[in-house]
N, C-alpha and C. Protein backbone atom coordinates (compact mmCIF):
# COMPACT_ATOMS: atom_id res chain seq x y z
N MET A 1 -9.73 35.54 13.48
CA MET A 1 -8.61 35.01 14.08
C MET A 1 -7.64 36.29 14.36
N GLU A 2 -7.37 36.91 13.57
CA GLU A 2 -6.57 38.02 13.51
C GLU A 2 -6.84 38.96 14.94
N ARG A 3 -8.36 39.30 15.09
CA ARG A 3 -8.79 39.76 16.15
C ARG A 3 -8.49 39.17 17.57
N LEU A 4 -8.54 37.94 17.52
CA LEU A 4 -8.13 37.15 18.64
C LEU A 4 -6.58 37.22 18.74
N ASP A 5 -5.67 37.05 17.87
CA ASP A 5 -4.43 37.40 17.86
C ASP A 5 -4.02 38.69 18.45
N ASN A 6 -4.66 39.73 17.98
CA ASN A 6 -4.48 41.12 18.37
C ASN A 6 -4.69 41.31 19.93
N ARG A 7 -6.06 40.64 20.51
CA ARG A 7 -6.18 40.60 21.62
C ARG A 7 -5.13 40.09 22.59
N TRP A 8 -4.54 38.83 22.09
CA TRP A 8 -3.65 37.95 22.91
C TRP A 8 -2.29 38.88 22.98
N GLN A 9 -2.03 39.82 21.71
CA GLN A 9 -0.64 40.38 21.90
C GLN A 9 -0.92 41.71 22.84
N ALA A 10 -2.21 42.08 22.84
CA ALA A 10 -2.33 43.27 24.07
C ALA A 10 -2.07 43.02 25.26
N LEU A 11 -2.21 41.56 25.52
CA LEU A 11 -2.01 41.42 27.08
C LEU A 11 -0.70 41.44 27.64
N PRO A 12 -0.45 41.93 28.59
CA PRO A 12 0.86 41.98 29.24
C PRO A 12 1.83 40.54 29.21
N LEU A 13 3.10 40.62 28.89
CA LEU A 13 3.70 39.33 28.77
C LEU A 13 3.66 38.46 30.16
N LYS A 14 3.49 38.97 31.21
CA LYS A 14 3.32 38.24 32.42
C LYS A 14 1.90 37.55 32.34
N THR A 15 1.12 38.14 31.78
CA THR A 15 -0.18 37.58 31.64
C THR A 15 -0.19 36.38 31.01
N GLN A 16 0.19 36.54 29.77
CA GLN A 16 0.47 35.43 28.82
C GLN A 16 1.03 34.25 29.17
N CYS A 17 2.20 34.50 29.96
CA CYS A 17 2.91 33.56 30.60
C CYS A 17 2.03 32.76 31.75
N LYS A 18 1.20 33.38 32.67
CA LYS A 18 0.39 32.81 33.49
C LYS A 18 -0.54 31.85 32.47
N TYR A 19 -1.40 32.52 31.56
CA TYR A 19 -2.15 31.62 30.91
C TYR A 19 -1.63 30.36 30.18
N VAL A 20 -0.27 30.15 29.60
CA VAL A 20 0.55 29.33 29.27
C VAL A 20 0.79 28.41 30.05
N ILE A 21 1.20 28.70 31.37
CA ILE A 21 1.49 27.92 32.28
C ILE A 21 0.22 27.22 32.87
N ILE A 22 -0.69 27.89 33.03
CA ILE A 22 -2.01 27.40 33.40
C ILE A 22 -2.73 26.22 32.47
N LEU A 23 -2.76 26.74 31.16
CA LEU A 23 -3.16 25.59 30.06
C LEU A 23 -2.08 24.55 30.02
N PHE A 24 -0.86 24.48 30.07
CA PHE A 24 0.12 23.40 30.04
C PHE A 24 -0.03 22.40 31.49
N THR A 25 -0.17 23.21 32.57
CA THR A 25 -0.49 22.59 33.90
C THR A 25 -1.72 21.85 33.65
N PHE A 26 -2.90 22.00 33.07
CA PHE A 26 -4.25 21.47 32.77
C PHE A 26 -3.89 20.34 31.90
N TYR A 27 -3.39 20.33 30.67
CA TYR A 27 -2.97 19.38 29.60
C TYR A 27 -2.20 18.28 30.22
N LEU A 28 -1.22 18.54 31.21
CA LEU A 28 -0.24 17.77 32.01
C LEU A 28 -1.11 16.91 33.02
N THR A 29 -1.87 17.53 33.72
CA THR A 29 -2.72 16.86 34.68
C THR A 29 -3.83 15.95 33.86
N MET A 30 -4.27 16.53 32.81
CA MET A 30 -5.10 15.29 32.12
C MET A 30 -4.47 14.13 31.34
N GLY A 31 -3.34 14.35 31.04
CA GLY A 31 -2.48 13.09 30.50
C GLY A 31 -2.02 12.27 31.50
N ILE A 32 -1.77 12.77 32.75
CA ILE A 32 -1.22 12.10 33.75
C ILE A 32 -2.55 11.19 34.38
N GLY A 33 -3.90 11.97 34.21
CA GLY A 33 -5.02 11.37 34.63
C GLY A 33 -5.40 10.04 33.67
N VAL A 34 -5.19 10.37 32.46
CA VAL A 34 -5.30 9.19 31.08
C VAL A 34 -4.54 7.94 31.76
N LEU A 35 -2.95 8.36 31.70
CA LEU A 35 -2.22 7.35 32.04
C LEU A 35 -2.50 6.51 33.39
N VAL A 36 -2.74 7.24 34.22
CA VAL A 36 -3.19 6.54 35.62
C VAL A 36 -4.42 5.59 35.29
N LYS A 37 -5.41 6.20 34.83
CA LYS A 37 -6.56 5.30 34.25
C LYS A 37 -6.20 4.06 33.62
N VAL A 38 -5.52 4.34 32.50
CA VAL A 38 -5.16 3.03 31.69
C VAL A 38 -4.30 2.15 32.65
N CYS A 39 -3.43 2.47 33.25
CA CYS A 39 -2.60 1.47 34.10
C CYS A 39 -3.55 1.07 35.23
N TYR A 40 -4.72 1.53 35.69
CA TYR A 40 -5.52 0.97 36.76
C TYR A 40 -6.45 -0.06 35.80
N ASP A 41 -6.54 0.33 34.75
CA ASP A 41 -7.47 -0.49 33.80
C ASP A 41 -6.73 -2.02 33.44
N LEU A 42 -5.56 -1.68 33.18
CA LEU A 42 -4.62 -2.85 32.85
C LEU A 42 -4.29 -3.77 34.29
N GLY A 43 -4.12 -3.00 35.44
CA GLY A 43 -3.66 -3.68 36.45
C GLY A 43 -4.90 -4.54 37.31
N LYS A 44 -6.36 -4.54 36.43
CA LYS A 44 -7.30 -5.52 37.15
C LYS A 44 -6.84 -6.61 37.00
N GLU A 45 -7.62 -7.67 37.51
CA GLU A 45 -7.30 -9.03 37.41
C GLU A 45 -7.52 -9.61 35.87
N ASP A 46 -8.43 -9.13 35.35
CA ASP A 46 -8.85 -9.83 33.82
C ASP A 46 -7.95 -9.26 32.84
N ARG A 47 -7.17 -7.99 32.93
CA ARG A 47 -6.24 -7.82 32.32
C ARG A 47 -6.21 -7.22 31.07
N HIS A 48 -7.32 -6.83 30.93
CA HIS A 48 -7.93 -6.01 29.44
C HIS A 48 -8.82 -5.04 29.66
N ILE A 49 -8.53 -4.21 28.64
CA ILE A 49 -9.50 -2.85 28.77
C ILE A 49 -10.80 -3.08 27.98
N GLU A 50 -11.80 -2.96 28.67
CA GLU A 50 -13.23 -2.96 28.16
C GLU A 50 -13.59 -1.84 27.13
N ILE A 51 -13.82 -2.38 25.83
CA ILE A 51 -14.04 -1.50 24.80
C ILE A 51 -15.42 -2.03 24.34
N GLY A 52 -16.43 -0.74 24.40
CA GLY A 52 -17.96 -1.29 23.86
C GLY A 52 -18.05 -0.34 22.65
N HIS A 53 -19.26 -0.55 21.99
CA HIS A 53 -19.95 0.05 21.04
C HIS A 53 -20.62 1.13 21.25
N ILE A 54 -20.57 2.37 20.46
CA ILE A 54 -21.17 3.66 20.96
C ILE A 54 -22.74 3.54 20.43
N GLU A 55 -23.54 3.66 21.54
CA GLU A 55 -25.03 3.43 21.04
C GLU A 55 -25.66 4.73 20.62
N SER A 56 -26.41 4.73 19.54
CA SER A 56 -27.05 5.97 18.88
C SER A 56 -28.22 6.17 19.45
N PRO A 57 -28.52 7.35 20.29
CA PRO A 57 -29.72 7.77 20.96
C PRO A 57 -31.09 7.79 19.94
N SER A 58 -30.79 7.83 18.68
CA SER A 58 -31.74 8.18 17.68
C SER A 58 -32.43 7.01 16.72
N ILE A 59 -31.96 5.65 17.13
CA ILE A 59 -32.29 4.89 16.43
C ILE A 59 -33.83 4.30 16.38
N GLY A 60 -34.61 4.64 17.24
CA GLY A 60 -35.92 4.60 17.22
C GLY A 60 -36.74 5.19 16.45
N ASP A 61 -36.37 6.52 15.98
CA ASP A 61 -37.37 7.38 15.11
C ASP A 61 -37.12 6.88 13.63
N GLY A 62 -35.77 6.15 13.31
CA GLY A 62 -35.49 5.82 11.89
C GLY A 62 -34.77 6.93 11.20
N THR A 63 -34.78 8.34 11.66
CA THR A 63 -33.90 9.09 10.67
C THR A 63 -32.32 8.95 10.63
N SER A 64 -31.78 8.38 11.72
CA SER A 64 -30.56 8.08 11.48
C SER A 64 -29.99 6.81 10.72
N LEU A 65 -31.05 6.02 10.37
CA LEU A 65 -30.98 4.70 9.71
C LEU A 65 -30.65 5.32 8.08
N ARG A 66 -31.62 6.25 7.78
CA ARG A 66 -31.59 6.84 6.40
C ARG A 66 -30.37 7.68 6.35
N ALA A 67 -29.93 8.39 7.19
CA ALA A 67 -28.64 9.04 7.01
C ALA A 67 -27.42 8.13 7.01
N ASP A 68 -27.46 6.64 7.80
CA ASP A 68 -26.50 5.91 7.71
C ASP A 68 -26.48 5.41 6.20
N SER A 69 -27.42 5.17 5.75
CA SER A 69 -27.40 4.44 4.34
C SER A 69 -27.04 5.47 3.43
N ILE A 70 -27.13 6.67 3.66
CA ILE A 70 -26.70 7.47 2.64
C ILE A 70 -24.93 7.82 2.65
N LEU A 71 -24.57 7.67 4.02
CA LEU A 71 -22.98 7.64 4.36
C LEU A 71 -22.54 6.39 3.63
N ILE A 72 -23.21 5.28 4.02
CA ILE A 72 -22.65 4.17 3.52
C ILE A 72 -22.57 3.87 1.96
N ASN A 73 -23.46 4.61 1.32
CA ASN A 73 -23.58 4.54 -0.10
C ASN A 73 -22.25 5.23 -0.76
N ASN A 74 -21.96 6.70 0.18
CA ASN A 74 -21.03 7.27 -0.37
C ASN A 74 -19.70 6.83 -0.28
N LYS A 75 -19.38 5.97 0.83
CA LYS A 75 -18.40 5.38 1.12
C LYS A 75 -17.78 4.48 -0.18
N LYS A 76 -18.79 3.72 -0.71
CA LYS A 76 -18.54 2.79 -1.98
C LYS A 76 -18.02 3.64 -3.11
N PHE A 77 -17.77 4.79 -3.10
CA PHE A 77 -17.23 5.64 -4.14
C PHE A 77 -15.90 6.38 -3.79
N ARG A 78 -14.80 6.33 -4.54
CA ARG A 78 -13.94 7.23 -4.41
C ARG A 78 -13.41 7.84 -5.63
N ASN A 79 -13.34 9.27 -5.62
CA ASN A 79 -12.96 10.00 -6.87
C ASN A 79 -13.92 9.49 -7.87
N GLY A 80 -15.26 9.39 -7.76
CA GLY A 80 -16.05 9.22 -8.75
C GLY A 80 -16.28 7.81 -9.37
N ARG A 81 -15.46 7.03 -9.00
CA ARG A 81 -15.31 5.48 -8.94
C ARG A 81 -15.53 4.47 -8.00
N GLU A 82 -16.52 3.68 -8.23
CA GLU A 82 -16.88 2.63 -7.25
C GLU A 82 -15.59 1.85 -6.62
N ARG A 83 -15.70 1.64 -5.39
CA ARG A 83 -14.59 0.83 -4.73
C ARG A 83 -14.83 -0.70 -4.88
N GLU A 84 -13.94 -1.41 -4.95
CA GLU A 84 -14.01 -2.84 -4.98
C GLU A 84 -14.31 -3.43 -3.84
């Protein structure tokens, strides 16, 4: 991290400002895009946003089921005590 900071500090101030402005413009564009998409989805005739479940691509081989059961079992405990 320190090496990256040193590289950043070695850049001229004008270049640093350019990078900051470019990144700010990118995030502003992304934010406006998300806002437009939400407004578009809410403006449809049915007036609700579709929310769907995430499908796991590895359900067929059974490995994710074993991993999921391990995670579920760990969620039953907090600080060494079983949750109610």
